[in-house]
């Protein structure tokens, strides 16, 4: 089974000054958010899984999404040992919920 970064490890990547670590962070944000946005475009999916999706009025950069994740991670230190992907879903869906 492949290893998964924790919320804290992903937070550290997003906060890093090392280009490859920030690029990794931005890639995670872009990939996860694209799936969440696609799901958020479907009314039936919004009804079934309203907390695991996000809705945007305009496109945002991966950097903006990473900042939202970092803010969320700092506010939720008890979840730092959780899988980073779960943290991304929780952060983005809380920041940009669907109506």
Foldseek 3Di string as FASTA:
>chain_A
DDDFAFLQQLLCLCVDPDPVSVVVSLVLQVVQQVVQQVLLVDPVSCVVCQQQHFHDPDDDGSNVLSVQLNVQCVVCVVRRRPGNNVSSSNSRCVVGGHD
